[in-house]
Amino acid sequence: MSKSDDLRKEAKEAGKRGDKTKSLKEGARERKREKALNDMADNEDWLDGKPKPKASK
């Protein structure tokens, strides 16, 4: 498992935490963390010479 895969896994977990929280501030913070971790994973892939993954929304 590459570092980018680990970052994407952490991002997914942060998104789940953001959805489960009852605090709006904490939810917003976890969603920001999710986006940042996904961006970091994309950068890791780019540094490793991998093509950019397709956006899944």
C-alpha atoms as a PDB file:
ATOM      1  CA  MET A   1       0.000   0.000   0.000  1.00  0.00           C
ATOM      2  CA  SER A   2       1.480   3.331  -1.039  1.00  0.00           C
ATOM      3  CA  LYS A   3       1.553   6.508   0.993  1.00  0.00           C
ATOM      4  CA  SER A   4      -1.157   8.026  -1.205  1.00  0.00           C
ATOM      5  CA  ASP A   5      -3.413   5.051  -0.477  1.00  0.00           C
ATOM      6  CA  ASP A   6      -2.845   5.550   3.254  1.00  0.00           C
ATOM      7  CA  LEU A   7      -3.702   9.244   2.937  1.00  0.00           C
ATOM      8  CA  ARG A   8      -6.900   8.459   1.034  1.00  0.00           C
ATOM      9  CA  LYS A   9      -7.876   5.951   3.719  1.00  0.00           C
ATOM     10  CA  GLU A  10      -7.335   8.604   6.413  1.00  0.00           C
ATOM     11  CA  ALA A  11      -9.369  11.075   4.334  1.00  0.00           C
ATOM     12  CA  LYS A  12     -12.263   8.646   4.100  1.00  0.00           C
ATOM     13  CA  GLU A  13     -12.189   8.134   7.870  1.00  0.00           C
ATOM     14  CA  ALA A  14     -12.122  11.913   8.433  1.00  0.00           C
ATOM     15  CA  GLY A  15     -15.173  12.269   6.201  1.00  0.00           C
ATOM     16  CA  LYS A  16     -17.018   9.644   8.193  1.00  0.00           C
ATOM     17  CA  ARG A  17     -16.114  11.388  11.462  1.00  0.00           C
ATOM     18  CA  GLY A  18     -17.330  14.679  10.001  1.00  0.00           C
ATOM     19  CA  ASP A  19     -20.655  13.117   9.065  1.00  0.00           C
ATOM     20  CA  LYS A  20     -21.145  11.552  12.502  1.00  0.00           C
ATOM     21  CA  THR A  21     -20.299  14.562  14.641  1.00  0.00           C
ATOM     22  CA  LYS A  22     -23.010  16.671  16.250  1.00  0.00           C
ATOM     23  CA  SER A  23     -20.906  19.843  16.286  1.00  0.00           C
ATOM     24  CA  LEU A  24     -21.005  21.954  13.121  1.00  0.00           C
ATOM     25  CA  LYS A  25     -17.492  23.285  13.770  1.00  0.00           C
ATOM     26  CA  GLU A  26     -16.052  19.827  14.246  1.00  0.00           C
ATOM     27  CA  GLY A  27     -17.857  18.550  11.157  1.00  0.00           C
ATOM     28  CA  ALA A  28     -16.489  21.409   9.055  1.00  0.00           C
ATOM     29  CA  ARG A  29     -12.991  20.777  10.412  1.00  0.00           C
ATOM     30  CA  GLU A  30     -13.148  17.073   9.527  1.00  0.00           C
ATOM     31  CA  ARG A  31     -14.411  17.853   6.007  1.00  0.00           C
ATOM     32  CA  LYS A  32     -11.513  20.299   5.539  1.00  0.00           C
ATOM     33  CA  ARG A  33      -9.141  17.619   6.809  1.00  0.00           C
ATOM     34  CA  GLU A  34     -10.666  15.149   4.329  1.00  0.00           C
ATOM     35  CA  LYS A  35     -10.092  17.539   1.411  1.00  0.00           C
ATOM     36  CA  ALA A  36      -6.531  18.316   2.527  1.00  0.00           C
ATOM     37  CA  LEU A  37      -5.649  14.630   2.862  1.00  0.00           C
ATOM     38  CA  ASN A  38      -7.076  13.885  -0.599  1.00  0.00           C
ATOM     39  CA  ASP A  39      -5.046  16.768  -2.040  1.00  0.00           C
ATOM     40  CA  MET A  40      -1.922  15.420  -0.345  1.00  0.00           C
ATOM     41  CA  ALA A  41      -2.607  11.967  -1.801  1.00  0.00           C
ATOM     42  CA  ASP A  42      -2.931  13.478  -5.292  1.00  0.00           C
ATOM     43  CA  ASN A  43       0.399  15.255  -4.787  1.00  0.00           C
ATOM     44  CA  GLU A  44       2.057  12.017  -3.664  1.00  0.00           C
ATOM     45  CA  ASP A  45       0.769  10.281  -6.792  1.00  0.00           C
ATOM     46  CA  TRP A  46       2.063  13.125  -8.945  1.00  0.00           C
ATOM     47  CA  LEU A  47       5.495  12.923  -7.292  1.00  0.00           C
ATOM     48  CA  ASP A  48       5.536   9.180  -7.922  1.00  0.00           C
ATOM     49  CA  GLY A  49       4.704   9.762 -11.589  1.00  0.00           C
ATOM     50  CA  LYS A  50       1.230   8.260 -11.436  1.00  0.00           C
ATOM     51  CA  PRO A  51      -1.615   9.761 -13.468  1.00  0.00           C
ATOM     52  CA  LYS A  52      -4.098  11.902 -11.560  1.00  0.00           C
ATOM     53  CA  PRO A  53      -7.056   9.818 -10.372  1.00  0.00           C
ATOM     54  CA  LYS A  54     -10.473  10.664 -11.746  1.00  0.00           C
ATOM     55  CA  ALA A  55     -12.657  12.695  -9.416  1.00  0.00           C
ATOM     56  CA  SER A  56     -15.406  10.637  -7.821  1.00  0.00           C
ATOM     57  CA  LYS A  57     -18.270  12.776  -6.612  1.00  0.00           C
END
